Amino acid sequence: RTCIAIARALQSQDVPAKVLILDEPTSAMPA
């Protein structure tokens, strides 16, 4: 699910992504 959110964030038709900001993405993930 986090992968989907990142994929959506990085997809852009105009300006390429330069900085990805992730707010506690591992809080619900097992090791």
All heavy atoms as atom14 arrays in JSON, in Angstrom:
{
  "sequence": "RTCIAIARALQSQDVPAKVLILDEPTSAMPA",
  "atom14_mask": [
    [1, 1, 1, 1, 1, 1, 1, 1, 1, 1, 1, 0, 0, 0],
    [1, 1, 1, 1, 1, 1, 1, 0, 0, 0, 0, 0, 0, 0],
    [1, 1, 1, 1, 1, 1, 0, 0, 0, 0, 0, 0, 0, 0],
    [1, 1, 1, 1, 1, 1, 1, 1, 0, 0, 0, 0, 0, 0],
    [1, 1, 1, 1, 1, 0, 0, 0, 0, 0, 0, 0, 0, 0],
    [1, 1, 1, 1, 1, 1, 1, 1, 0, 0, 0, 0, 0, 0],
    [1, 1, 1, 1, 1, 0, 0, 0, 0, 0, 0, 0, 0, 0],
    [1, 1, 1, 1, 1, 1, 1, 1, 1, 1, 1, 0, 0, 0],
    [1, 1, 1, 1, 1, 0, 0, 0, 0, 0, 0, 0, 0, 0],
    [1, 1, 1, 1, 1, 1, 1, 1, 0, 0, 0, 0, 0, 0],
    [1, 1, 1, 1, 1, 1, 1, 1, 1, 0, 0, 0, 0, 0],
    [1, 1, 1, 1, 1, 1, 0, 0, 0, 0, 0, 0, 0, 0],
    [1, 1, 1, 1, 1, 1, 1, 1, 1, 0, 0, 0, 0, 0],
    [1, 1, 1, 1, 1, 1, 1, 1, 0, 0, 0, 0, 0, 0],
    [1, 1, 1, 1, 1, 1, 1, 0, 0, 0, 0, 0, 0, 0],
    [1, 1, 1, 1, 1, 1, 1, 0, 0, 0, 0, 0, 0, 0],
    [1, 1, 1, 1, 1, 0, 0, 0, 0, 0, 0, 0, 0, 0],
    [1, 1, 1, 1, 1, 1, 1, 1, 1, 0, 0, 0, 0, 0],
    [1, 1, 1, 1, 1, 1, 1, 0, 0, 0, 0, 0, 0, 0],
    [1, 1, 1, 1, 1, 1, 1, 1, 0, 0, 0, 0, 0, 0],
    [1, 1, 1, 1, 1, 1, 1, 1, 0, 0, 0, 0, 0, 0],
    [1, 1, 1, 1, 1, 1, 1, 1, 0, 0, 0, 0, 0, 0],
    [1, 1, 1, 1, 1, 1, 1, 1, 0, 0, 0, 0, 0, 0],
    [1, 1, 1, 1, 1, 1, 1, 1, 1, 0, 0, 0, 0, 0],
    [1, 1, 1, 1, 1, 1, 1, 0, 0, 0, 0, 0, 0, 0],
    [1, 1, 1, 1, 1, 1, 1, 0, 0, 0, 0, 0, 0, 0],
    [1, 1, 1, 1, 1, 1, 0, 0, 0, 0, 0, 0, 0, 0],
    [1, 1, 1, 1, 1, 0, 0, 0, 0, 0, 0, 0, 0, 0],
    [1, 1, 1, 1, 1, 1, 1, 1, 0, 0, 0, 0, 0, 0],
    [1, 1, 1, 1, 1, 1, 1, 0, 0, 0, 0, 0, 0, 0],
    [1, 1, 1, 1, 1, 0, 0, 0, 0, 0, 0, 0, 0, 0]
  ],
  "atom14_positions": [
    [[0.84, -1.2, 0.0], [0.0, 0.0, 0.0], [0.87, 1.26, 0.0], [0.58, 2.23, -0.7], [-0.93, -0.01, 1.21], [-2.04, -1.04, 1.13], [-2.74, -1.24, 2.47], [-3.06, 0.01, 3.12], [-4.1, 0.78, 2.81], [-4.92, 0.39, 1.84], [-4.33, 1.9, 3.45], [0.0, 0.0, 0.0], [0.0, 0.0, 0.0], [0.0, 0.0, 0.0]],
    [[1.95, 1.22, 0.78], [2.88, 2.36, 0.79], [3.53, 2.51, -0.57], [3.77, 3.64, -1.04], [3.94, 2.17, 1.88], [3.3, 2.02, 3.15], [4.89, 3.36, 1.93], [0.0, 0.0, 0.0], [0.0, 0.0, 0.0], [0.0, 0.0, 0.0], [0.0, 0.0, 0.0], [0.0, 0.0, 0.0], [0.0, 0.0, 0.0], [0.0, 0.0, 0.0]],
    [[3.83, 1.39, -1.22], [4.4, 1.43, -2.56], [3.46, 2.15, -3.54], [3.92, 2.95, -4.38], [4.69, 0.01, -3.05], [5.36, -0.1, -4.71], [0.0, 0.0, 0.0], [0.0, 0.0, 0.0], [0.0, 0.0, 0.0], [0.0, 0.0, 0.0], [0.0, 0.0, 0.0], [0.0, 0.0, 0.0], [0.0, 0.0, 0.0], [0.0, 0.0, 0.0]],
    [[2.16, 1.89, -3.42], [1.19, 2.57, -4.27], [1.24, 4.08, -4.02], [1.23, 4.89, -4.97], [-0.23, 2.03, -4.01], [-0.36, 0.59, -4.5], [-1.28, 2.92, -4.69], [-1.69, -0.06, -4.15], [0.0, 0.0, 0.0], [0.0, 0.0, 0.0], [0.0, 0.0, 0.0], [0.0, 0.0, 0.0], [0.0, 0.0, 0.0], [0.0, 0.0, 0.0]],
    [[1.28, 4.48, -2.75], [1.33, 5.9, -2.43], [2.58, 6.57, -2.98], [2.54, 7.7, -3.48], [1.24, 6.09, -0.91], [0.0, 0.0, 0.0], [0.0, 0.0, 0.0], [0.0, 0.0, 0.0], [0.0, 0.0, 0.0], [0.0, 0.0, 0.0], [0.0, 0.0, 0.0], [0.0, 0.0, 0.0], [0.0, 0.0, 0.0], [0.0, 0.0, 0.0]],
    [[3.72, 5.87, -2.89], [4.97, 6.42, -3.42], [4.91, 6.5, -4.94], [5.32, 7.5, -5.54], [6.17, 5.56, -2.97], [6.37, 5.69, -1.46], [7.44, 5.99, -3.7], [7.46, 4.78, -0.92], [0.0, 0.0, 0.0], [0.0, 0.0, 0.0], [0.0, 0.0, 0.0], [0.0, 0.0, 0.0], [0.0, 0.0, 0.0], [0.0, 0.0, 0.0]],
    [[4.39, 5.44, -5.57], [4.26, 5.44, -7.03], [3.42, 6.61, -7.49], [3.76, 7.3, -8.46], [3.65, 4.12, -7.49], [0.0, 0.0, 0.0], [0.0, 0.0, 0.0], [0.0, 0.0, 0.0], [0.0, 0.0, 0.0], [0.0, 0.0, 0.0], [0.0, 0.0, 0.0], [0.0, 0.0, 0.0], [0.0, 0.0, 0.0], [0.0, 0.0, 0.0]],
    [[2.32, 6.86, -6.8], [1.45, 7.98, -7.17], [2.16, 9.32, -6.97], [2.05, 10.23, -7.8], [0.18, 7.93, -6.32], [-0.84, 9.0, -6.68], [-2.11, 8.82, -5.87], [-1.81, 8.83, -4.45], [-2.59, 8.28, -3.52], [-3.7, 7.64, -3.87], [-2.27, 8.36, -2.25], [0.0, 0.0, 0.0], [0.0, 0.0, 0.0], [0.0, 0.0, 0.0]],
    [[2.93, 9.43, -5.87], [3.63, 10.68, -5.6], [4.71, 10.97, -6.64], [4.94, 12.13, -7.0], [4.26, 10.62, -4.2], [0.0, 0.0, 0.0], [0.0, 0.0, 0.0], [0.0, 0.0, 0.0], [0.0, 0.0, 0.0], [0.0, 0.0, 0.0], [0.0, 0.0, 0.0], [0.0, 0.0, 0.0], [0.0, 0.0, 0.0], [0.0, 0.0, 0.0]],
    [[5.37, 9.92, -7.13], [6.49, 10.13, -8.04], [6.06, 10.31, -9.49], [6.84, 10.78, -10.32], [7.48, 8.96, -7.94], [8.18, 8.79, -6.59], [9.14, 7.63, -6.64], [8.91, 10.07, -6.2], [0.0, 0.0, 0.0], [0.0, 0.0, 0.0], [0.0, 0.0, 0.0], [0.0, 0.0, 0.0], [0.0, 0.0, 0.0], [0.0, 0.0, 0.0]],
    [[4.83, 9.89, -9.8], [4.34, 10.06, -11.17], [3.98, 11.52, -11.4], [3.3, 12.14, -10.61], [3.1, 9.19, -11.4], [3.41, 7.72, -11.45], [4.25, 7.35, -12.66], [3.77, 7.33, -13.79], [5.5, 7.05, -12.43], [0.0, 0.0, 0.0], [0.0, 0.0, 0.0], [0.0, 0.0, 0.0], [0.0, 0.0, 0.0], [0.0, 0.0, 0.0]],
    [[4.47, 12.08, -12.48], [4.17, 13.47, -12.8], [4.26, 13.67, -14.29], [5.2, 13.2, -14.94], [5.14, 14.41, -12.08], [4.9, 15.75, -12.44], [0.0, 0.0, 0.0], [0.0, 0.0, 0.0], [0.0, 0.0, 0.0], [0.0, 0.0, 0.0], [0.0, 0.0, 0.0], [0.0, 0.0, 0.0], [0.0, 0.0, 0.0], [0.0, 0.0, 0.0]],
    [[3.3, 14.38, -14.84], [3.3, 14.66, -16.26], [4.08, 15.93, -16.58], [4.33, 16.22, -17.74], [1.84, 14.83, -16.75], [0.95, 13.63, -16.45], [1.37, 12.39, -17.19], [1.93, 12.47, -18.27], [1.1, 11.23, -16.61], [0.0, 0.0, 0.0], [0.0, 0.0, 0.0], [0.0, 0.0, 0.0], [0.0, 0.0, 0.0], [0.0, 0.0, 0.0]],
    [[4.45, 16.71, -15.57], [5.08, 18.0, -15.84], [6.44, 18.16, -15.17], [7.47, 18.18, -15.85], [4.14, 19.13, -15.42], [3.53, 18.9, -14.03], [3.95, 17.96, -13.34], [2.64, 19.68, -13.64], [0.0, 0.0, 0.0], [0.0, 0.0, 0.0], [0.0, 0.0, 0.0], [0.0, 0.0, 0.0], [0.0, 0.0, 0.0], [0.0, 0.0, 0.0]],
    [[6.46, 18.24, -13.84], [7.7, 18.53, -13.12], [8.24, 17.25, -12.48], [7.53, 16.58, -11.75], [7.45, 19.58, -12.01], [8.75, 19.91, -11.29], [6.83, 20.84, -12.62], [0.0, 0.0, 0.0], [0.0, 0.0, 0.0], [0.0, 0.0, 0.0], [0.0, 0.0, 0.0], [0.0, 0.0, 0.0], [0.0, 0.0, 0.0], [0.0, 0.0, 0.0]],
    [[9.5, 16.89, -12.75], [10.04, 15.67, -12.13], [10.22, 15.83, -10.62], [10.45, 16.93, -10.12], [11.4, 15.5, -12.82], [11.76, 16.87, -13.29], [10.47, 17.55, -13.64], [0.0, 0.0, 0.0], [0.0, 0.0, 0.0], [0.0, 0.0, 0.0], [0.0, 0.0, 0.0], [0.0, 0.0, 0.0], [0.0, 0.0, 0.0], [0.0, 0.0, 0.0]],
    [[10.08, 14.72, -9.91], [10.26, 14.73, -8.46], [11.74, 14.93, -8.11], [12.62, 14.36, -8.75], [9.76, 13.43, -7.86], [0.0, 0.0, 0.0], [0.0, 0.0, 0.0], [0.0, 0.0, 0.0], [0.0, 0.0, 0.0], [0.0, 0.0, 0.0], [0.0, 0.0, 0.0], [0.0, 0.0, 0.0], [0.0, 0.0, 0.0], [0.0, 0.0, 0.0]],
    [[11.99, 15.75, -7.1], [13.35, 15.99, -6.63], [13.54, 15.52, -5.19], [14.62, 15.04, -4.82], [13.69, 17.47, -6.74], [13.71, 18.0, -8.16], [14.03, 19.48, -8.2], [14.02, 20.02, -9.63], [14.27, 21.48, -9.66], [0.0, 0.0, 0.0], [0.0, 0.0, 0.0], [0.0, 0.0, 0.0], [0.0, 0.0, 0.0], [0.0, 0.0, 0.0]],
    [[12.51, 15.69, -4.38], [12.58, 15.31, -2.96], [11.31, 14.57, -2.58], [10.2, 15.07, -2.81], [12.75, 16.54, -2.04], [12.83, 16.1, -0.57], [13.98, 17.35, -2.42], [0.0, 0.0, 0.0], [0.0, 0.0, 0.0], [0.0, 0.0, 0.0], [0.0, 0.0, 0.0], [0.0, 0.0, 0.0], [0.0, 0.0, 0.0], [0.0, 0.0, 0.0]],
    [[11.45, 13.38, -2.02], [10.32, 12.59, -1.54], [10.29, 12.68, -0.02], [11.27, 12.35, 0.65], [10.46, 11.14, -1.98], [9.38, 10.17, -1.5], [8.02, 10.55, -2.06], [9.74, 8.74, -1.88], [0.0, 0.0, 0.0], [0.0, 0.0, 0.0], [0.0, 0.0, 0.0], [0.0, 0.0, 0.0], [0.0, 0.0, 0.0], [0.0, 0.0, 0.0]],
    [[9.16, 13.14, 0.53], [9.01, 13.34, 1.97], [8.03, 12.31, 2.5], [6.87, 12.28, 2.1], [8.54, 14.77, 2.27], [9.56, 15.77, 1.7], [8.37, 14.98, 3.77], [9.1, 17.21, 1.73], [0.0, 0.0, 0.0], [0.0, 0.0, 0.0], [0.0, 0.0, 0.0], [0.0, 0.0, 0.0], [0.0, 0.0, 0.0], [0.0, 0.0, 0.0]],
    [[8.5, 11.45, 3.4], [7.72, 10.33, 3.91], [7.48, 10.5, 5.4], [8.42, 10.59, 6.19], [8.5, 9.02, 3.68], [8.86, 8.71, 2.22], [10.1, 7.83, 2.16], [7.7, 8.01, 1.54], [0.0, 0.0, 0.0], [0.0, 0.0, 0.0], [0.0, 0.0, 0.0], [0.0, 0.0, 0.0], [0.0, 0.0, 0.0], [0.0, 0.0, 0.0]],
    [[6.2, 10.53, 5.79], [5.85, 10.74, 7.19], [5.52, 9.41, 7.86], [4.42, 8.88, 7.7], [4.66, 11.7, 7.28], [4.43, 12.21, 8.7], [5.2, 11.82, 9.6], [3.47, 12.98, 8.9], [0.0, 0.0, 0.0], [0.0, 0.0, 0.0], [0.0, 0.0, 0.0], [0.0, 0.0, 0.0], [0.0, 0.0, 0.0], [0.0, 0.0, 0.0]],
    [[6.47, 8.86, 8.59], [6.32, 7.6, 9.33], [5.78, 6.47, 8.47], [4.77, 5.84, 8.82], [5.45, 7.81, 10.56], [6.05, 8.81, 11.54], [5.37, 8.78, 12.89], [5.23, 7.68, 13.44], [4.99, 9.85, 13.39], [0.0, 0.0, 0.0], [0.0, 0.0, 0.0], [0.0, 0.0, 0.0], [0.0, 0.0, 0.0], [0.0, 0.0, 0.0]],
    [[6.42, 6.17, 7.35], [5.88, 5.15, 6.45], [5.98, 3.73, 6.99], [5.28, 2.83, 6.52], [6.74, 5.3, 5.19], [8.04, 5.83, 5.71], [7.66, 6.76, 6.83], [0.0, 0.0, 0.0], [0.0, 0.0, 0.0], [0.0, 0.0, 0.0], [0.0, 0.0, 0.0], [0.0, 0.0, 0.0], [0.0, 0.0, 0.0], [0.0, 0.0, 0.0]],
    [[6.86, 3.49, 7.98], [7.06, 2.13, 8.47], [6.28, 1.82, 9.75], [6.44, 0.75, 10.32], [8.56, 1.88, 8.75], [9.02, 2.82, 9.73], [9.37, 2.04, 7.47], [0.0, 0.0, 0.0], [0.0, 0.0, 0.0], [0.0, 0.0, 0.0], [0.0, 0.0, 0.0], [0.0, 0.0, 0.0], [0.0, 0.0, 0.0], [0.0, 0.0, 0.0]],
    [[5.43, 2.75, 10.18], [4.78, 2.58, 11.49], [3.9, 1.34, 11.55], [3.71, 0.76, 12.62], [3.95, 3.83, 11.82], [2.96, 4.05, 10.83], [0.0, 0.0, 0.0], [0.0, 0.0, 0.0], [0.0, 0.0, 0.0], [0.0, 0.0, 0.0], [0.0, 0.0, 0.0], [0.0, 0.0, 0.0], [0.0, 0.0, 0.0], [0.0, 0.0, 0.0]],
    [[3.35, 0.9, 10.4], [2.45, -0.26, 10.4], [3.07, -1.47, 9.72], [2.37, -2.44, 9.45], [1.13, 0.1, 9.7], [0.0, 0.0, 0.0], [0.0, 0.0, 0.0], [0.0, 0.0, 0.0], [0.0, 0.0, 0.0], [0.0, 0.0, 0.0], [0.0, 0.0, 0.0], [0.0, 0.0, 0.0], [0.0, 0.0, 0.0], [0.0, 0.0, 0.0]],
    [[4.38, -1.44, 9.48], [5.03, -2.53, 8.75], [5.74, -3.49, 9.69], [6.45, -3.06, 10.61], [6.07, -1.98, 7.77], [5.53, -1.24, 6.59], [6.89, -0.8, 5.46], [6.08, 0.46, 4.48], [0.0, 0.0, 0.0], [0.0, 0.0, 0.0], [0.0, 0.0, 0.0], [0.0, 0.0, 0.0], [0.0, 0.0, 0.0], [0.0, 0.0, 0.0]],
    [[5.61, -4.8, 9.46], [6.47, -5.75, 10.18], [7.9, -5.65, 9.69], [8.17, -5.09, 8.62], [5.85, -7.11, 9.81], [5.14, -6.88, 8.53], [4.65, -5.47, 8.56], [0.0, 0.0, 0.0], [0.0, 0.0, 0.0], [0.0, 0.0, 0.0], [0.0, 0.0, 0.0], [0.0, 0.0, 0.0], [0.0, 0.0, 0.0], [0.0, 0.0, 0.0]],
    [[8.83, -6.18, 10.47], [10.25, -6.02, 10.18], [10.62, -6.54, 8.79], [11.45, -5.94, 8.09], [11.08, -6.74, 11.24], [0.0, 0.0, 0.0], [0.0, 0.0, 0.0], [0.0, 0.0, 0.0], [0.0, 0.0, 0.0], [0.0, 0.0, 0.0], [0.0, 0.0, 0.0], [0.0, 0.0, 0.0], [0.0, 0.0, 0.0], [0.0, 0.0, 0.0]]
  ]
}
